[in-house]
């Protein structure tokens, strides 16, 4: 068998970088954080979705469904949190990146 044509396979978002910035704190230990996501992709990014209580067994449950800019704010109570961002490109391909945080008056990546 001879193959004359090979259809290219679409490649989705390949790398997501998540940056965080503390915005405010309250007396109970809650912290408001701004997240921004940057993506390396051959395709155009359609939107970002954010899950601020991500659990791999329960799956991705977006708190912010459509974020066109890749930048959101969220307030966390003291504790350990896993934040996930899902990126969807114009070909419908997606990629998820997670970051674990420990909030206890200050925020620390784990």
C-alpha atoms as a PDB file:
ATOM      1  CA  UNK A   1       0.000   0.000   0.000  1.00  0.00           C
ATOM      2  CA  UNK A   2       1.306   3.423  -0.937  1.00  0.00           C
ATOM      3  CA  UNK A   3       0.313   6.540   0.930  1.00  0.00           C
ATOM      4  CA  UNK A   4       0.193   9.600  -1.290  1.00  0.00           C
ATOM      5  CA  UNK A   5      -1.193  12.055   1.205  1.00  0.00           C
ATOM      6  CA  UNK A   6      -0.836  12.312   4.904  1.00  0.00           C
ATOM      7  CA  UNK A   7      -3.375  14.482   6.629  1.00  0.00           C
ATOM      8  CA  UNK A   8      -1.773  16.629   9.311  1.00  0.00           C
ATOM      9  CA  UNK A   9      -2.884  15.924  12.842  1.00  0.00           C
ATOM     10  CA  UNK A  10      -3.934  18.978  14.780  1.00  0.00           C
ATOM     11  CA  UNK A  11      -1.825  19.765  17.786  1.00  0.00           C
ATOM     12  CA  UNK A  12      -3.524  21.564  20.630  1.00  0.00           C
ATOM     13  CA  UNK A  13      -2.141  23.818  23.325  1.00  0.00           C
ATOM     14  CA  UNK A  14       1.189  22.351  24.366  1.00  0.00           C
ATOM     15  CA  UNK A  15       2.319  24.348  27.368  1.00  0.00           C
ATOM     16  CA  UNK A  16       0.461  26.420  29.941  1.00  0.00           C
ATOM     17  CA  UNK A  17       2.190  28.664  32.465  1.00  0.00           C
ATOM     18  CA  UNK A  18       0.153  29.914  35.437  1.00  0.00           C
ATOM     19  CA  UNK A  19       1.224  33.051  37.297  1.00  0.00           C
ATOM     20  CA  UNK A  20      -0.285  34.224  40.594  1.00  0.00           C
ATOM     21  CA  UNK A  21      -0.436  37.557  42.372  1.00  0.00           C
ATOM     22  CA  UNK A  22      -1.816  38.215  45.870  1.00  0.00           C
ATOM     23  CA  UNK A  23      -4.332  41.048  45.793  1.00  0.00           C
ATOM     24  CA  UNK A  24      -5.731  41.277  49.318  1.00  0.00           C
ATOM     25  CA  UNK A  25      -6.032  39.462  52.655  1.00  0.00           C
ATOM     26  CA  UNK A  26      -8.588  39.584  55.438  1.00  0.00           C
ATOM     27  CA  UNK A  27      -8.299  38.993  59.184  1.00  0.00           C
ATOM     28  CA  UNK A  28      -9.651  35.418  58.853  1.00  0.00           C
ATOM     29  CA  UNK A  29      -6.770  34.264  56.642  1.00  0.00           C
ATOM     30  CA  UNK A  30      -8.623  34.445  53.309  1.00  0.00           C
ATOM     31  CA  UNK A  31      -6.609  35.679  50.346  1.00  0.00           C
ATOM     32  CA  UNK A  32      -7.753  37.094  47.001  1.00  0.00           C
ATOM     33  CA  UNK A  33      -5.455  35.942  44.194  1.00  0.00           C
ATOM     34  CA  UNK A  34      -5.220  36.971  40.567  1.00  0.00           C
ATOM     35  CA  UNK A  35      -4.284  34.158  38.169  1.00  0.00           C
ATOM     36  CA  UNK A  36      -3.003  34.611  34.632  1.00  0.00           C
ATOM     37  CA  UNK A  37      -2.360  31.842  32.120  1.00  0.00           C
ATOM     38  CA  UNK A  38      -0.005  32.018  29.138  1.00  0.00           C
ATOM     39  CA  UNK A  39      -0.127  29.345  26.452  1.00  0.00           C
ATOM     40  CA  UNK A  40       2.193  28.046  23.761  1.00  0.00           C
ATOM     41  CA  UNK A  41       0.097  26.773  20.881  1.00  0.00           C
ATOM     42  CA  UNK A  42       0.228  26.546  17.103  1.00  0.00           C
ATOM     43  CA  UNK A  43      -3.512  27.271  17.040  1.00  0.00           C
ATOM     44  CA  UNK A  44      -5.474  30.290  18.199  1.00  0.00           C
ATOM     45  CA  UNK A  45      -6.800  30.069  21.758  1.00  0.00           C
ATOM     46  CA  UNK A  46     -10.592  30.338  21.972  1.00  0.00           C
ATOM     47  CA  UNK A  47     -10.991  30.525  25.752  1.00  0.00           C
ATOM     48  CA  UNK A  48      -9.819  29.489  29.198  1.00  0.00           C
ATOM     49  CA  UNK A  49     -11.920  27.779  31.907  1.00  0.00           C
ATOM     50  CA  UNK A  50     -10.990  27.754  35.601  1.00  0.00           C
ATOM     51  CA  UNK A  51     -11.710  25.218  38.379  1.00  0.00           C
ATOM     52  CA  UNK A  52     -10.701  26.511  41.836  1.00  0.00           C
ATOM     53  CA  UNK A  53     -11.435  23.217  43.635  1.00  0.00           C
ATOM     54  CA  UNK A  54     -10.027  20.720  41.122  1.00  0.00           C
ATOM     55  CA  UNK A  55     -10.099  17.028  41.980  1.00  0.00           C
ATOM     56  CA  UNK A  56      -8.832  14.552  39.379  1.00  0.00           C
ATOM     57  CA  UNK A  57     -11.306  11.849  40.490  1.00  0.00           C
ATOM     58  CA  UNK A  58     -14.312  14.197  40.215  1.00  0.00           C
ATOM     59  CA  UNK A  59     -13.106  15.782  36.991  1.00  0.00           C
ATOM     60  CA  UNK A  60     -12.908  19.367  35.838  1.00  0.00           C
ATOM     61  CA  UNK A  61     -15.816  21.487  37.151  1.00  0.00           C
ATOM     62  CA  UNK A  62     -15.417  25.036  35.908  1.00  0.00           C
ATOM     63  CA  UNK A  63     -16.223  27.921  38.226  1.00  0.00           C
ATOM     64  CA  UNK A  64     -15.400  30.291  35.347  1.00  0.00           C
ATOM     65  CA  UNK A  65     -16.603  28.755  32.080  1.00  0.00           C
ATOM     66  CA  UNK A  66     -15.403  31.220  29.456  1.00  0.00           C
ATOM     67  CA  UNK A  67     -12.484  33.532  30.104  1.00  0.00           C
ATOM     68  CA  UNK A  68     -11.186  35.088  26.881  1.00  0.00           C
ATOM     69  CA  UNK A  69      -8.145  36.791  28.474  1.00  0.00           C
ATOM     70  CA  UNK A  70      -6.665  34.039  30.646  1.00  0.00           C
ATOM     71  CA  UNK A  71      -6.865  36.257  33.722  1.00  0.00           C
ATOM     72  CA  UNK A  72      -9.212  35.748  36.718  1.00  0.00           C
ATOM     73  CA  UNK A  73      -9.482  36.574  40.424  1.00  0.00           C
ATOM     74  CA  UNK A  74     -10.610  34.248  43.205  1.00  0.00           C
ATOM     75  CA  UNK A  75     -10.744  34.376  47.014  1.00  0.00           C
ATOM     76  CA  UNK A  76      -9.522  31.350  48.963  1.00  0.00           C
ATOM     77  CA  UNK A  77     -10.085  30.466  52.602  1.00  0.00           C
ATOM     78  CA  UNK A  78      -7.191  29.021  54.597  1.00  0.00           C
ATOM     79  CA  UNK A  79      -6.313  25.485  53.491  1.00  0.00           C
ATOM     80  CA  UNK A  80      -4.854  23.533  50.589  1.00  0.00           C
ATOM     81  CA  UNK A  81      -6.392  24.155  47.167  1.00  0.00           C
ATOM     82  CA  UNK A  82      -5.810  22.773  43.668  1.00  0.00           C
ATOM     83  CA  UNK A  83      -6.521  25.218  40.868  1.00  0.00           C
ATOM     84  CA  UNK A  84      -6.877  23.979  37.285  1.00  0.00           C
ATOM     85  CA  UNK A  85      -7.064  25.946  34.070  1.00  0.00           C
ATOM     86  CA  UNK A  86      -8.332  24.332  30.878  1.00  0.00           C
ATOM     87  CA  UNK A  87      -7.383  25.909  27.561  1.00  0.00           C
ATOM     88  CA  UNK A  88      -9.430  25.257  24.428  1.00  0.00           C
ATOM     89  CA  UNK A  89      -8.121  26.207  20.997  1.00  0.00           C
ATOM     90  CA  UNK A  90      -9.963  27.006  17.765  1.00  0.00           C
ATOM     91  CA  UNK A  91      -9.735  23.349  16.679  1.00  0.00           C
ATOM     92  CA  UNK A  92     -11.525  22.178  19.836  1.00  0.00           C
ATOM     93  CA  UNK A  93      -8.408  20.657  21.387  1.00  0.00           C
ATOM     94  CA  UNK A  94      -7.810  21.202  25.076  1.00  0.00           C
ATOM     95  CA  UNK A  95      -5.113  21.022  27.704  1.00  0.00           C
ATOM     96  CA  UNK A  96      -5.277  21.274  31.520  1.00  0.00           C
ATOM     97  CA  UNK A  97      -2.637  22.604  33.902  1.00  0.00           C
ATOM     98  CA  UNK A  98      -2.902  22.547  37.695  1.00  0.00           C
ATOM     99  CA  UNK A  99      -1.262  24.327  40.598  1.00  0.00           C
ATOM    100  CA  UNK A 100      -1.579  23.416  44.311  1.00  0.00           C
ATOM    101  CA  UNK A 101      -1.688  26.229  46.842  1.00  0.00           C
ATOM    102  CA  UNK A 102      -1.462  26.390  50.591  1.00  0.00           C
ATOM    103  CA  UNK A 103      -3.281  29.413  51.999  1.00  0.00           C
ATOM    104  CA  UNK A 104      -2.600  30.301  55.609  1.00  0.00           C
ATOM    105  CA  UNK A 105      -2.435  34.080  55.760  1.00  0.00           C
ATOM    106  CA  UNK A 106       0.166  33.812  52.978  1.00  0.00           C
ATOM    107  CA  UNK A 107       0.036  31.840  49.723  1.00  0.00           C
ATOM    108  CA  UNK A 108       2.593  29.200  48.871  1.00  0.00           C
ATOM    109  CA  UNK A 109       2.834  26.975  45.796  1.00  0.00           C
ATOM    110  CA  UNK A 110       3.191  23.308  46.694  1.00  0.00           C
END
